[in-house]
Amino acid sequence: MEISWSDFEKIDMRVGTVLTVSDFPEARNPAYQLQIDFGPLGIKKTSAQVTTRYDKNELVGKQVVAVINFPQKTNCKFHE
């Protein structure tokens, strides 16, 4: 599926630093819960299905690129 340039321009991608990583046993598929610091935008919570690629300790302190203007959703009582 392709998106238009005008749709792409609406995406707000930012670099943030992973502060905390914890297991997310309630998730349907293996995942971690992350808190990411986006500087002036504050700390955001999200989940990531990267348990087969990364150990929790490897992610803390890493910088990641994230889309931050998705609407908030609730995933197993975890607000992302």
Protein backbone atom coordinates (compact mmCIF):
# COMPACT_ATOMS: atom_id res chain seq x y z
CA MET A 1 0.00 0.00 0.00
CA GLU A 2 1.29 3.43 -0.90
CA ILE A 3 0.51 6.68 0.87
CA SER A 4 0.50 10.14 -0.61
CA TRP A 5 3.14 12.75 0.16
CA SER A 6 0.51 14.84 1.97
CA ASP A 7 -0.26 11.85 4.24
CA PHE A 8 3.45 11.35 4.92
CA GLU A 9 3.81 15.00 5.92
CA LYS A 10 1.25 14.45 8.70
CA ILE A 11 3.47 11.87 10.42
CA ASP A 12 5.36 13.30 13.43
CA MET A 13 8.49 11.19 13.89
CA ARG A 14 10.82 12.00 16.78
CA VAL A 15 13.94 10.56 18.35
CA GLY A 16 13.64 9.59 22.00
CA THR A 17 15.71 7.80 24.62
CA VAL A 18 14.41 4.59 26.20
CA LEU A 19 14.22 5.09 29.98
CA THR A 20 12.60 1.88 31.22
CA VAL A 21 11.73 -1.52 29.78
CA SER A 22 9.52 -4.07 31.49
CA ASP A 23 7.87 -7.34 30.54
CA PHE A 24 4.31 -7.16 29.22
CA PRO A 25 2.83 -10.58 30.10
CA GLU A 26 -0.75 -9.46 29.33
CA ALA A 27 0.04 -8.81 25.66
CA ARG A 28 -1.27 -11.27 23.07
CA ASN A 29 2.19 -11.60 21.56
CA PRO A 30 5.43 -11.34 23.55
CA ALA A 31 6.20 -7.64 24.07
CA TYR A 32 7.89 -5.10 26.31
CA GLN A 33 6.43 -1.96 27.86
CA LEU A 34 8.68 1.03 27.31
CA GLN A 35 8.91 4.56 28.64
CA ILE A 36 10.65 6.86 26.18
CA ASP A 37 11.86 10.41 26.86
CA PHE A 38 11.16 12.77 23.96
CA GLY A 39 12.70 15.82 25.63
CA PRO A 40 10.36 18.85 25.52
CA LEU A 41 7.45 16.59 24.49
CA GLY A 42 7.79 14.58 27.69
CA ILE A 43 7.87 10.90 28.49
CA LYS A 44 5.63 8.63 26.43
CA LYS A 45 4.63 5.01 27.02
CA THR A 46 4.40 2.37 24.35
CA SER A 47 4.77 -1.35 23.79
CA ALA A 48 7.07 -3.12 21.35
CA GLN A 49 7.11 -6.69 20.10
CA VAL A 50 10.89 -6.94 20.02
CA THR A 51 11.46 -9.62 22.67
CA THR A 52 13.10 -12.02 20.21
CA ARG A 53 15.53 -9.36 18.98
CA TYR A 54 16.51 -7.51 22.17
CA ASP A 55 17.05 -8.22 25.84
CA LYS A 56 15.42 -5.64 28.13
CA ASN A 57 18.78 -4.37 29.36
CA GLU A 58 19.98 -3.75 25.80
CA LEU A 59 17.19 -1.26 25.14
CA VAL A 60 17.66 1.05 28.14
CA GLY A 61 19.51 4.16 27.03
CA LYS A 62 19.07 3.45 23.32
CA GLN A 63 17.70 6.11 21.03
CA VAL A 64 14.71 5.15 18.93
CA VAL A 65 12.63 6.79 16.22
CA ALA A 66 8.89 6.77 16.92
CA VAL A 67 5.72 8.18 15.42
CA ILE A 68 4.27 10.25 18.25
CA ASN A 69 1.02 11.50 16.76
CA PHE A 70 -0.89 8.23 16.65
CA PRO A 71 -4.08 8.42 18.73
CA GLN A 72 -3.83 6.97 22.24
CA LYS A 73 -4.92 3.36 22.55
CA THR A 74 -5.36 0.93 25.40
CA ASN A 75 -3.62 -2.41 25.14
CA CYS A 76 -4.45 -4.79 28.03
CA LYS A 77 -5.10 -1.88 30.45
CA PHE A 78 -1.84 -0.23 29.33
CA HIS A 79 -2.41 3.22 27.83
CA GLU A 80 -0.06 3.90 24.93
